[in-house]
Amino acid sequence: MKTHSTDPNRYFANTHTVENQPPELENINLFEQDIALKEAVEREGAGWAIDEISAFGQKVGEAKYIELGFQANENKPVLHTHNRFGHRVDEVKFHPAYHQLMKSSIENGLHSSPWTNPKPGAHVARSAKCYLQSQIEAAHGCPITMTFASIPSLRRQPDLAKIWEPLITSRQYDESNQPVSLKQGVTIGMAMTEKQGGSDVRANSTKAYPVGQPGGGQLYELVGHKYFVSAPMCDAFLVLAQAPNGLSCFLVPRWNEDGSKNPLQVLRLKDKMGNVANASSETELRGALGWMVGEEGQGVRTIIEMVSLTRFDCMMGSSSGQRLAVAHATHHCHYRSAFGAKLDQQPLMQNVLADLALEQEGSLAFTMRMARALDNQHDESEQLLMRLGTAVGKYWICKRTPNHAYEAMECIGGSGVMENSIFPRMFRESPVNAIWEGSGNVQCLDVLRVMSKAPAAVEAFFDEIDRSKGANSTLDNYVLNLKQAFTDLSNIEYRARNIVDRLALAIQGSLLVRNAPSAVSDLFCASRLTSNGGHNIGTMPLSGDCAAIIDRARPNVGC
């Protein structure tokens, strides 16, 4: 009697069919699939760039391009302080994928386009491209941002800007470790932070000694340390150091004009929990030569223009991270079924997904409105709005992103914590923008500083909010109460986070009421501007069309 199969292939039978899993979210146009972004680009003045941005969106949405982000993060940069013959080189070597991403960003003008073609909407168009690129790989955006942000500060020293600006704005990426005179394109970094001071840069101890005549554009010798220098392979850095007449700003190249190695020496790379594709370092200046930028003793005033733009890019980067989270969460839940129904058709999941989408659209609207303010350099009210809005937005959007990332991961379930998915990298990246370029408390104190020194900025901010007056009663009441809070300045520093939270929500609500579909704006106001709204994601009141909000946010991949 036969008791078992004699088929030699019996152990190789398929155990199951893979089903109830979403397709990969790739080979799509990231711009065309983002309704809110398309509307914002048109609304904020960059309609002329739609075709260009769409072409970029098509490129970055390709599977092979998305893979570059994974490769760049799976292969950390490595520091080589000396070459094999013992010469000091201070060279950080990266995976080729990192260089491909840098090359793509620079060739597409993410580091320079508003400076080389300063037309209306230039900052909006550039921000849209950065927003798309950051969804693929955020870490390499650090040197791109610093290079972009260096131009206004450098222009304070026209003789230096005349030499350096053409190289900085060049669309040729040159990764080589050699003097600037041998390169056709350069990147610029920033070195402010020291161990004893952190954000308190006036406590910096690095010293600068004039080589000859002192003053702007003159050569100084710098001695000291920097505890956090990101992107140490940049070709030059804007550095703060104490000159005889106070804290000053200097442009310090990695190589001297005569071809010798400038003693700007990298001690070690930081071992970061996120942002790993980008190298960050501890660096010592052992007599490094640098040119003073701006007036002696005015270093903070000189470099603050660079800092302001890097903070804006933090807003943009965190908004981008939120879009990445929403796209993948809504995509997954559209395909995944549980308990007899698609996840995005189940009420509690709809509450969560719609809440995530509202957060992201509010962040995007705020960011792109600030990009338009950047484009209006000669409009005083727009610049005042930008001055206060950047501090508010950098605090709020970046602060909200880590929990937003986590909630999106939870929508995916157990697969959301697997390293071969985008979610662990997205989550590790999410706190970076909140902490770098001035953490939350620093931003709140900056808001208070603006309120004190430039009260017209507060007026400009509320003027922007009031553009929606009469369109939503919930928002009107919220703004009225917020204005009343400004009449009582007692214990204002203690209450600063509460004030800034409310400023952020008010301007986001105003922008959405004016520009987004009513399904979005009504539920945003009901869930965030009333006592009925919940503090945690997924606790919104039963008053909105969640399905419509989710459908607006979900990438359309032909299903």
Protein backbone atom coordinates (compact mmCIF):
# COMPACT_ATOMS: atom_id res chain seq x y z
CA MET A 1 0.00 0.00 0.00
CA LYS A 2 1.42 3.46 -1.06
CA THR A 3 1.79 5.70 1.98
CA HIS A 4 3.51 8.77 0.47
CA SER A 5 4.06 10.57 -2.80
CA THR A 6 6.94 9.49 -4.98
CA ASP A 7 6.96 12.80 -6.86
CA PRO A 8 10.57 14.09 -6.59
CA ASN A 9 9.35 17.72 -6.69
CA ARG A 10 6.87 17.35 -3.84
CA TYR A 11 8.98 19.47 -1.46
CA PHE A 12 9.18 22.37 -3.94
CA ALA A 13 5.51 23.10 -4.23
CA ASN A 14 4.41 26.71 -3.77
CA THR A 15 3.21 27.26 -0.23
CA HIS A 16 1.05 30.28 -1.03
CA THR A 17 0.18 33.02 -3.45
CA VAL A 18 1.24 36.55 -2.54
CA GLU A 19 -1.88 38.64 -2.31
CA ASN A 20 -3.40 41.52 -0.37
CA GLN A 21 -0.16 43.50 -0.83
CA PRO A 22 0.18 46.87 -2.60
CA PRO A 23 2.33 47.32 -5.69
CA GLU A 24 5.55 49.29 -5.30
CA LEU A 25 4.97 53.03 -5.37
CA GLU A 26 7.42 53.74 -8.16
CA ASN A 27 7.64 54.61 -11.85
CA ILE A 28 5.17 57.44 -11.36
CA ASN A 29 5.44 61.21 -11.79
CA LEU A 30 5.76 62.49 -8.23
CA PHE A 31 4.65 65.96 -9.26
CA GLU A 32 1.63 64.99 -11.34
CA GLN A 33 0.43 62.68 -8.53
CA ASP A 34 0.52 65.50 -5.98
CA ILE A 35 -2.61 67.62 -6.43
CA ALA A 36 -1.89 70.00 -3.56
CA LEU A 37 1.65 70.68 -4.81
CA LYS A 38 0.49 71.38 -8.36
CA GLU A 39 -2.08 73.84 -7.06
CA ALA A 40 0.46 75.55 -4.81
CA VAL A 41 3.01 75.98 -7.61
CA GLU A 42 0.40 77.65 -9.80
CA ARG A 43 -1.09 79.72 -6.98
CA GLU A 44 2.19 81.06 -5.62
CA GLY A 45 3.51 82.32 -8.93
CA ALA A 46 5.53 79.55 -10.59
CA GLY A 47 3.01 78.42 -13.20
CA TRP A 48 5.64 79.12 -15.84
CA ALA A 49 7.73 76.27 -14.39
CA ILE A 50 5.03 73.56 -14.45
CA ASP A 51 6.50 71.64 -17.40
CA GLU A 52 10.02 71.81 -15.96
CA ILE A 53 8.89 70.63 -12.52
CA SER A 54 6.77 67.87 -14.06
CA ALA A 55 9.75 66.59 -16.04
CA PHE A 56 11.76 66.51 -12.81
CA GLY A 57 8.89 64.75 -11.04
CA GLN A 58 8.93 62.07 -13.71
CA LYS A 59 12.66 61.54 -13.29
CA VAL A 60 12.68 61.26 -9.50
CA GLY A 61 9.71 58.89 -9.51
CA GLU A 62 11.52 56.23 -11.53
CA ALA A 63 12.37 53.01 -9.71
CA LYS A 64 16.07 53.29 -10.58
CA TYR A 65 16.20 56.83 -9.18
CA ILE A 66 14.41 55.85 -5.97
CA GLU A 67 16.99 53.08 -5.55
CA LEU A 68 19.75 55.72 -5.41
CA GLY A 69 18.36 56.91 -2.10
CA PHE A 70 18.51 53.43 -0.62
CA GLN A 71 22.07 52.86 -1.87
CA ALA A 72 23.33 56.20 -0.55
CA ASN A 73 21.98 55.41 2.92
CA GLU A 74 23.06 51.77 3.02
CA ASN A 75 26.67 52.81 2.36
CA LYS A 76 27.79 55.39 4.89
CA PRO A 77 30.50 57.94 4.04
CA VAL A 78 34.00 57.10 5.25
CA LEU A 79 36.66 59.58 6.42
CA HIS A 80 40.26 59.30 5.18
CA THR A 81 42.40 61.84 7.04
CA HIS A 82 45.60 60.86 5.17
CA ASN A 83 46.43 59.22 1.88
CA ARG A 84 48.57 56.09 1.69
CA PHE A 85 51.75 58.16 1.53
CA GLY A 86 50.96 59.97 4.77
CA HIS A 87 49.84 63.29 3.32
CA ARG A 88 46.92 65.02 5.04
CA VAL A 89 43.90 64.98 2.69
CA ASP A 90 40.81 65.12 4.96
CA GLU A 91 38.76 63.33 2.33
CA VAL A 92 35.33 61.81 2.88
CA LYS A 93 34.46 59.11 0.38
CA PHE A 94 30.85 58.45 -0.58
CA HIS A 95 28.97 55.75 -2.44
CA PRO A 96 28.49 56.63 -6.14
CA ALA A 97 24.73 56.90 -5.55
CA TYR A 98 25.32 59.92 -3.30
CA HIS A 99 27.29 61.65 -6.02
CA GLN A 100 24.58 60.87 -8.56
CA LEU A 101 22.00 62.53 -6.33
CA MET A 102 24.25 65.56 -5.79
CA LYS A 103 24.88 65.81 -9.51
CA SER A 104 21.16 65.63 -10.26
CA SER A 105 20.31 68.33 -7.71
CA ILE A 106 22.98 70.68 -9.01
CA GLU A 107 22.23 70.09 -12.68
CA ASN A 108 18.59 70.92 -11.96
CA GLY A 109 19.47 74.12 -10.12
CA LEU A 110 18.29 73.15 -6.65
CA HIS A 111 21.34 74.97 -5.28
CA SER A 112 21.14 78.14 -7.35
CA SER A 113 18.21 78.74 -9.70
CA PRO A 114 16.65 81.73 -7.86
CA TRP A 115 20.02 83.51 -8.00
CA THR A 116 20.80 82.81 -11.65
CA ASN A 117 17.25 83.43 -12.89
CA PRO A 118 15.60 85.69 -10.29
CA LYS A 119 12.19 85.97 -11.91
CA PRO A 120 8.84 86.00 -10.07
CA GLY A 121 8.14 82.51 -8.75
CA ALA A 122 11.79 81.41 -8.86
CA HIS A 123 11.91 80.42 -5.18
CA VAL A 124 8.55 78.66 -5.50
CA ALA A 125 9.78 76.60 -8.46
CA ARG A 126 13.02 75.74 -6.71
CA SER A 127 11.15 74.76 -3.53
CA ALA A 128 8.87 72.44 -5.51
CA LYS A 129 11.85 70.61 -6.99
CA CYS A 130 13.54 70.33 -3.61
CA TYR A 131 10.27 69.01 -2.16
CA LEU A 132 10.24 66.25 -4.77
CA GLN A 133 13.93 65.42 -4.52
CA SER A 134 13.83 65.23 -0.72
CA GLN A 135 11.24 62.46 -0.92
CA ILE A 136 13.88 60.34 -2.64
CA GLU A 137 16.81 61.17 -0.36
CA ALA A 138 16.87 63.97 2.21
CA ALA A 139 20.42 63.82 3.57
CA HIS A 140 22.27 65.10 0.51
CA GLY A 141 19.98 68.12 0.65
CA CYS A 142 22.17 69.51 3.44
CA PRO A 143 25.09 70.64 1.22
CA ILE A 144 22.61 71.64 -1.49
CA THR A 145 20.77 73.88 0.97
CA MET A 146 23.92 75.43 2.42
CA THR A 147 25.30 76.16 -1.05
CA PHE A 148 22.01 77.80 -2.01
CA ALA A 149 21.79 79.77 1.23
CA SER A 150 25.37 81.08 1.12
CA ILE A 151 24.78 83.60 -1.66
CA PRO A 152 23.03 86.43 0.27
CA SER A 153 25.68 86.34 3.00
CA LEU A 154 28.53 86.23 0.53
CA ARG A 155 27.09 89.20 -1.38
CA ARG A 156 27.83 91.30 1.70
CA GLN A 157 31.42 91.15 0.48
CA PRO A 158 31.15 92.03 -3.25
CA ASP A 159 34.83 91.44 -4.07
CA LEU A 160 34.59 87.85 -2.81
CA ALA A 161 31.16 87.30 -4.36
CA LYS A 162 32.51 88.34 -7.76
CA ILE A 163 35.01 85.48 -7.63
CA TRP A 164 32.98 82.81 -5.86
CA GLU A 165 29.39 83.30 -6.98
CA PRO A 166 29.88 82.03 -10.55
CA LEU A 167 31.43 78.83 -9.16
CA ILE A 168 28.75 78.41 -6.49
CA THR A 169 25.87 78.85 -8.93
CA SER A 170 27.45 76.70 -11.64
CA ARG A 171 25.40 73.66 -12.60
CA GLN A 172 28.47 71.46 -12.81
CA TYR A 173 29.04 69.11 -9.91
CA ASP A 174 32.68 68.37 -9.19
CA GLU A 175 33.28 65.87 -6.39
CA SER A 176 37.06 66.04 -6.61
CA ASN A 177 39.19 66.94 -3.59
CA GLN A 178 41.34 69.70 -5.06
CA PRO A 179 41.76 73.48 -5.06
CA VAL A 180 38.91 75.66 -6.26
CA SER A 181 41.07 77.03 -9.07
CA LEU A 182 40.92 73.58 -10.71
CA LYS A 183 37.13 73.20 -10.45
CA GLN A 184 34.18 74.47 -12.49
CA GLY A 185 31.63 74.18 -9.70
CA VAL A 186 31.82 74.26 -5.90
CA THR A 187 29.66 73.66 -2.83
CA ILE A 188 29.60 75.74 0.34
CA GLY A 189 29.14 74.67 3.95
CA MET A 190 28.70 76.43 7.27
CA ALA A 191 30.63 76.10 10.55
CA MET A 192 29.17 77.79 13.61
CA THR A 193 28.59 75.25 16.40
CA GLU A 194 31.17 74.74 19.15
CA LYS A 195 31.10 72.46 22.20
CA GLN A 196 30.63 75.17 24.79
CA GLY A 197 28.02 77.22 22.96
CA GLY A 198 25.74 75.23 20.67
CA SER A 199 23.11 77.69 19.46
CA ASP A 200 24.73 80.43 21.55
CA VAL A 201 27.27 81.32 18.88
CA ARG A 202 28.38 84.46 20.70
CA ALA A 203 30.10 82.08 23.15
CA ASN A 204 32.34 80.82 20.33
CA SER A 205 36.00 80.59 21.23
CA THR A 206 37.58 80.18 17.77
CA LYS A 207 39.95 83.10 17.19
CA ALA A 208 40.71 84.99 13.97
CA TYR A 209 43.95 86.95 13.53
CA PRO A 210 44.49 89.36 10.61
CA VAL A 211 47.37 88.33 8.36
CA GLY A 212 47.82 91.90 7.14
CA GLN A 213 45.29 94.70 7.08
CA PRO A 214 42.08 93.93 9.01
CA GLY A 215 38.56 94.32 7.64
CA GLY A 216 36.11 92.96 5.11
CA GLY A 217 37.65 90.95 2.28
CA GLN A 218 40.98 90.68 4.08
CA LEU A 219 42.77 87.48 4.97
CA TYR A 220 42.74 86.12 8.52
CA GLU A 221 44.21 83.08 10.23
CA LEU A 222 41.68 81.03 12.24
CA VAL A 223 42.50 78.86 15.25
CA GLY A 224 39.90 76.84 17.12
CA HIS A 225 37.39 74.03 16.83
CA LYS A 226 33.92 73.37 15.42
CA TYR A 227 31.91 70.63 17.04
CA PHE A 228 29.47 70.15 14.19
CA VAL A 229 30.42 70.78 10.58
CA SER A 230 28.01 69.14 8.19
CA ALA A 231 29.07 68.16 4.67
CA PRO A 232 32.84 68.51 5.30
CA MET A 233 33.62 67.87 1.65
CA CYS A 234 32.24 71.27 0.70
CA ASP A 235 34.85 73.40 -1.04
CA ALA A 236 34.59 76.29 1.42
CA PHE A 237 32.71 77.20 4.61
CA LEU A 238 31.23 80.29 6.15
CA VAL A 239 32.77 80.24 9.63
CA LEU A 240 32.16 82.34 12.72
CA ALA A 241 35.22 83.31 14.76
CA GLN A 242 36.24 85.98 17.26
CA ALA A 243 38.25 88.72 15.56
CA PRO A 244 39.86 91.54 17.57
CA ASN A 245 36.66 93.61 17.30
CA GLY A 246 34.18 90.80 17.92
CA LEU A 247 32.48 87.81 16.34
CA SER A 248 32.93 87.89 12.59
CA CYS A 249 32.18 85.79 9.52
CA PHE A 250 34.84 84.25 7.28
CA LEU A 251 34.96 82.31 4.03
CA VAL A 252 37.40 79.46 4.64
CA PRO A 253 38.34 77.21 1.69
CA ARG A 254 39.51 73.61 2.08
CA TRP A 255 42.52 74.34 -0.13
CA ASN A 256 44.65 77.48 -0.28
CA GLU A 257 45.13 79.52 -3.43
CA ASP A 258 48.70 78.22 -3.83
CA GLY A 259 47.43 74.64 -3.95
CA SER A 260 48.45 73.73 -0.41
CA LYS A 261 46.05 72.06 2.00
CA ASN A 262 44.37 74.61 4.27
CA PRO A 263 44.64 73.29 7.87
CA LEU A 264 40.90 72.83 8.26
CA GLN A 265 41.24 69.33 9.66
CA VAL A 266 38.46 66.77 10.12
CA LEU A 267 38.87 64.85 13.39
CA ARG A 268 36.05 62.37 12.97
CA LEU A 269 32.62 61.88 11.44
CA LYS A 270 29.52 62.01 13.60
CA ASP A 271 27.73 58.72 14.17
CA LYS A 272 24.19 59.92 13.50
CA MET A 273 20.93 58.02 13.94
CA GLY A 274 19.61 59.48 10.70
CA ASN A 275 20.76 61.65 7.82
CA VAL A 276 23.46 59.03 7.31
CA ALA A 277 24.14 59.56 3.59
CA ASN A 278 25.41 63.02 4.46
CA ALA A 279 28.66 63.24 6.41
CA SER A 280 28.84 65.48 9.47
CA SER A 281 32.09 66.07 11.31
CA GLU A 282 34.09 67.54 14.15
CA THR A 283 36.73 69.87 12.74
CA GLU A 284 39.70 71.87 13.98
CA LEU A 285 41.11 75.01 12.41
CA ARG A 286 44.85 75.01 12.98
CA GLY A 287 45.77 78.33 11.41
CA ALA A 288 43.31 77.97 8.53
CA LEU A 289 43.24 80.96 6.19
CA GLY A 290 39.94 82.66 5.42
CA TRP A 291 38.63 85.96 4.10
CA MET A 292 36.42 88.13 6.28
CA VAL A 293 32.89 88.50 4.90
CA GLY A 294 31.17 91.73 5.87
CA GLU A 295 32.24 93.98 8.71
CA GLU A 296 34.39 92.89 11.62
CA GLY A 297 32.27 92.23 14.68
CA GLN A 298 29.13 91.75 12.57
CA GLY A 299 29.41 88.01 12.04
CA VAL A 300 25.92 87.11 13.26
CA ARG A 301 24.31 89.79 11.11
CA THR A 302 26.28 88.54 8.11
CA ILE A 303 25.58 84.85 8.47
CA ILE A 304 21.96 85.17 9.63
CA GLU A 305 20.79 85.55 6.03
CA MET A 306 22.27 82.15 5.30
CA VAL A 307 20.70 80.72 8.45
CA SER A 308 17.29 82.12 7.52
CA LEU A 309 17.33 80.32 4.19
CA THR A 310 18.53 77.04 5.69
CA ARG A 311 15.66 77.29 8.18
CA PHE A 312 13.23 77.78 5.31
CA ASP A 313 14.61 74.64 3.69
CA CYS A 314 13.98 72.82 6.97
CA MET A 315 10.30 73.74 6.56
CA MET A 316 10.38 72.48 3.00
CA GLY A 317 12.22 69.27 3.92
CA SER A 318 9.83 68.37 6.72
CA SER A 319 6.82 69.13 4.52
CA SER A 320 8.35 66.80 1.97
CA GLY A 321 8.80 64.10 4.59
CA GLN A 322 5.15 64.43 5.50
CA ARG A 323 4.18 64.04 1.83
CA LEU A 324 6.32 60.90 1.59
CA ALA A 325 4.51 59.47 4.62
CA VAL A 326 1.04 60.34 3.34
CA ALA A 327 1.72 59.00 -0.14
CA HIS A 328 2.89 55.61 1.11
CA ALA A 329 0.26 55.29 3.85
CA THR A 330 -2.68 56.13 1.60
CA HIS A 331 -1.30 53.96 -1.19
CA HIS A 332 -0.88 50.97 1.11
CA CYS A 333 -4.29 51.33 2.71
CA HIS A 334 -5.98 51.63 -0.67
CA TYR A 335 -4.82 48.12 -1.59
CA ARG A 336 -4.68 46.38 1.75
CA SER A 337 -7.80 44.65 3.11
CA ALA A 338 -8.52 43.55 6.69
CA PHE A 339 -11.65 42.33 8.41
CA GLY A 340 -13.54 42.21 5.15
CA ALA A 341 -12.88 45.68 3.73
CA LYS A 342 -10.13 47.87 2.27
CA LEU A 343 -8.32 49.73 5.02
CA ASP A 344 -9.03 53.14 3.54
CA GLN A 345 -12.75 52.39 3.58
CA GLN A 346 -12.85 51.69 7.31
CA PRO A 347 -13.95 54.64 9.49
CA LEU A 348 -11.16 54.64 12.06
CA MET A 349 -8.44 54.30 9.44
CA GLN A 350 -10.11 57.05 7.43
CA ASN A 351 -9.88 59.28 10.49
CA VAL A 352 -6.14 58.60 10.71
CA LEU A 353 -5.35 58.91 7.00
CA ALA A 354 -7.37 62.09 6.54
CA ASP A 355 -5.71 63.61 9.62
CA LEU A 356 -2.26 62.81 8.21
CA ALA A 357 -3.27 64.35 4.89
CA LEU A 358 -4.58 67.53 6.53
CA GLU A 359 -1.34 67.95 8.47
CA GLN A 360 0.69 67.57 5.31
CA GLU A 361 -1.40 69.92 3.19
CA GLY A 362 -1.28 72.59 5.88
CA SER A 363 2.52 72.27 6.00
CA LEU A 364 2.82 72.49 2.23
CA ALA A 365 0.56 75.53 1.98
CA PHE A 366 2.55 77.36 4.68
CA THR A 367 5.89 76.48 3.09
CA MET A 368 4.94 77.54 -0.43
CA ARG A 369 3.45 80.80 0.82
CA MET A 370 6.80 81.58 2.45
CA ALA A 371 8.51 80.69 -0.82
CA ARG A 372 6.41 83.38 -2.54
CA ALA A 373 7.44 85.83 0.17
CA LEU A 374 11.06 84.98 -0.64
CA ASP A 375 10.36 85.92 -4.24
CA ASN A 376 9.14 89.37 -3.21
CA GLN A 377 12.48 90.71 -2.01
CA HIS A 378 11.49 94.35 -2.57
CA ASP A 379 8.13 94.19 -0.80
CA GLU A 380 8.65 95.22 2.82
CA SER A 381 5.46 93.56 4.11
CA GLU A 382 6.41 90.28 2.41
CA GLN A 383 9.86 90.38 3.97
CA LEU A 384 8.35 91.04 7.39
CA LEU A 385 6.00 88.10 6.84
CA MET A 386 8.97 85.94 5.87
CA ARG A 387 10.94 87.03 8.92
CA LEU A 388 8.29 85.89 11.38
CA GLY A 389 6.83 83.11 9.24
CA THR A 390 10.11 81.24 8.86
CA ALA A 391 10.59 81.00 12.62
CA VAL A 392 6.97 79.92 13.17
CA GLY A 393 7.01 77.42 10.30
CA LYS A 394 10.41 75.96 11.09
CA TYR A 395 9.25 75.33 14.63
CA TRP A 396 5.78 73.95 13.90
CA ILE A 397 6.22 71.91 10.72
CA CYS A 398 9.49 70.33 11.76
CA LYS A 399 8.18 69.66 15.27
CA ARG A 400 5.09 67.86 13.94
CA THR A 401 6.92 65.60 11.50
CA PRO A 402 8.34 62.83 13.77
CA ASN A 403 4.95 61.85 15.17
CA HIS A 404 3.45 62.19 11.70
CA ALA A 405 6.07 59.75 10.40
CA TYR A 406 5.38 57.28 13.18
CA GLU A 407 1.62 57.35 12.60
CA ALA A 408 2.15 56.63 8.91
CA MET A 409 4.35 53.68 9.83
CA GLU A 410 1.61 52.33 12.05
CA CYS A 411 -0.80 52.44 9.10
CA ILE A 412 1.50 49.97 7.35
CA GLY A 413 1.77 47.61 10.31
CA GLY A 414 4.73 45.31 10.93
CA SER A 415 6.17 45.83 7.45
CA GLY A 416 6.54 49.51 8.30
CA VAL A 417 9.56 48.81 10.51
CA MET A 418 11.42 46.65 8.01
CA GLU A 419 14.69 48.17 6.84
CA ASN A 420 14.04 47.29 3.21
CA SER A 421 11.14 49.78 3.17
CA ILE A 422 11.29 53.55 3.12
CA PHE A 423 9.75 53.96 6.57
CA PRO A 424 12.73 53.41 8.94
CA ARG A 425 14.81 55.94 6.98
CA MET A 426 11.88 58.36 6.87
CA PHE A 427 11.41 58.03 10.63
CA ARG A 428 15.11 58.47 11.47
CA GLU A 429 15.24 61.53 9.23
CA SER A 430 12.12 63.10 10.76
CA PRO A 431 13.71 64.77 13.87
CA VAL A 432 16.66 66.24 11.97
CA ASN A 433 15.05 69.42 10.70
CA ALA A 434 13.48 70.11 14.09
CA ILE A 435 16.85 70.00 15.85
CA TRP A 436 19.28 71.40 13.27
CA GLU A 437 19.46 75.09 12.40
CA GLY A 438 18.02 76.06 15.77
CA SER A 439 15.84 73.68 17.78
CA GLY A 440 12.27 74.35 18.89
CA ASN A 441 13.01 76.63 21.81
CA VAL A 442 15.44 78.66 19.72
CA GLN A 443 12.75 79.24 17.10
CA CYS A 444 10.20 80.26 19.72
CA LEU A 445 12.65 82.71 21.26
CA ASP A 446 13.32 84.05 17.78
CA VAL A 447 9.58 84.69 17.39
CA LEU A 448 9.62 86.66 20.64
CA ARG A 449 12.66 88.59 19.41
CA VAL A 450 10.83 89.54 16.22
CA MET A 451 7.76 90.58 18.21
CA SER A 452 9.94 92.87 20.32
CA LYS A 453 12.24 94.34 17.67
CA ALA A 454 9.97 94.32 14.62
CA PRO A 455 6.33 94.55 15.71
CA ALA A 456 5.41 95.36 12.12
CA ALA A 457 6.19 91.72 11.33
CA VAL A 458 3.39 90.63 13.67
CA GLU A 459 1.06 93.03 11.87
CA ALA A 460 2.10 91.59 8.50
CA PHE A 461 1.53 88.07 9.80
CA PHE A 462 -1.98 88.86 11.01
CA ASP A 463 -2.72 90.77 7.80
CA GLU A 464 -1.98 87.55 5.93
CA ILE A 465 -4.21 85.55 8.26
CA ASP A 466 -7.01 88.11 7.96
CA ARG A 467 -7.22 87.61 4.20
CA SER A 468 -9.61 84.76 5.00
CA LYS A 469 -11.75 86.79 7.41
CA GLY A 470 -15.43 85.96 7.13
CA ALA A 471 -14.91 82.72 5.21
CA ASN A 472 -14.89 80.35 8.19
CA SER A 473 -16.41 81.24 11.55
CA THR A 474 -14.29 78.72 13.45
CA LEU A 475 -11.12 80.29 12.10
CA ASP A 476 -12.43 83.82 12.77
CA ASN A 477 -13.08 83.00 16.43
CA TYR A 478 -9.71 81.31 16.78
CA VAL A 479 -7.87 84.33 15.34
CA LEU A 480 -9.82 86.72 17.56
CA ASN A 481 -8.78 84.79 20.68
CA LEU A 482 -5.20 84.65 19.43
CA LYS A 483 -5.06 88.41 18.96
CA GLN A 484 -6.34 88.87 22.49
CA ALA A 485 -3.50 86.68 23.75
CA PHE A 486 -1.05 89.21 22.32
CA THR A 487 -2.41 91.91 24.63
CA ASP A 488 -0.99 90.06 27.64
CA LEU A 489 2.78 89.70 27.48
CA SER A 490 3.26 88.53 31.05
CA ASN A 491 5.30 85.33 31.29
CA ILE A 492 5.51 85.41 27.50
CA GLU A 493 8.74 83.41 27.33
CA TYR A 494 7.23 80.63 29.44
CA ARG A 495 4.19 80.57 27.14
CA ALA A 496 6.14 80.94 23.89
CA ARG A 497 5.46 77.47 22.53
CA ASN A 498 1.73 77.89 23.00
CA ILE A 499 1.80 81.23 21.19
CA VAL A 500 3.82 79.88 18.28
CA ASP A 501 1.61 76.79 18.01
CA ARG A 502 -1.42 79.01 17.64
CA LEU A 503 0.25 81.32 15.12
CA ALA A 504 1.12 78.31 12.97
CA LEU A 505 -2.37 76.86 13.08
CA ALA A 506 -3.96 80.23 12.34
CA ILE A 507 -1.94 80.88 9.20
CA GLN A 508 -2.33 77.30 7.98
CA GLY A 509 -6.07 77.53 8.53
CA SER A 510 -6.24 80.83 6.67
CA LEU A 511 -4.27 79.52 3.70
CA LEU A 512 -6.40 76.38 3.44
CA VAL A 513 -9.68 78.26 3.81
CA ARG A 514 -8.67 80.50 0.93
CA ASN A 515 -7.13 77.91 -1.34
CA ALA A 516 -8.06 74.30 -0.57
CA PRO A 517 -11.33 72.45 -1.20
CA SER A 518 -13.88 72.95 1.56
CA ALA A 519 -13.55 69.27 2.55
CA VAL A 520 -9.94 70.02 3.49
CA SER A 521 -10.30 73.47 5.04
CA ASP A 522 -13.47 72.78 7.01
CA LEU A 523 -12.13 69.66 8.69
CA PHE A 524 -8.74 71.27 9.27
CA CYS A 525 -10.42 74.08 11.22
CA ALA A 526 -12.84 71.77 13.02
CA SER A 527 -10.12 69.35 14.08
CA ARG A 528 -7.44 71.85 15.06
CA LEU A 529 -9.03 75.16 15.98
CA THR A 530 -11.74 74.05 18.40
CA SER A 531 -11.86 72.29 21.74
CA ASN A 532 -13.67 69.43 19.98
CA GLY A 533 -10.55 68.57 18.00
CA GLY A 534 -8.27 65.88 19.33
CA HIS A 535 -4.57 66.36 20.04
CA ASN A 536 -3.54 62.98 18.66
CA ILE A 537 -3.70 61.84 15.03
CA GLY A 538 -6.95 60.06 14.26
CA THR A 539 -9.13 61.80 16.85
CA MET A 540 -10.90 64.25 14.54
CA PRO A 541 -14.56 65.18 15.04
CA LEU A 542 -17.25 63.47 12.97
CA SER A 543 -17.85 66.45 10.70
CA GLY A 544 -15.91 65.97 7.51
CA ASP A 545 -15.55 64.06 4.27
CA CYS A 546 -12.52 61.93 5.10
CA ALA A 547 -12.85 59.86 1.92
CA ALA A 548 -12.57 62.96 -0.26
CA ILE A 549 -9.49 64.17 1.63
CA ILE A 550 -7.82 60.76 1.33
CA ASP A 551 -8.62 60.53 -2.37
CA ARG A 552 -7.08 63.96 -2.93
CA ALA A 553 -3.89 62.97 -1.11
CA ARG A 554 -3.44 59.44 -2.46
CA PRO A 555 -1.10 58.96 -5.45
CA ASN A 556 -3.15 57.85 -8.42
CA VAL A 557 -1.43 54.82 -9.92
CA GLY A 558 -4.23 53.85 -12.26
CA CYS A 559 -6.33 51.84 -9.84
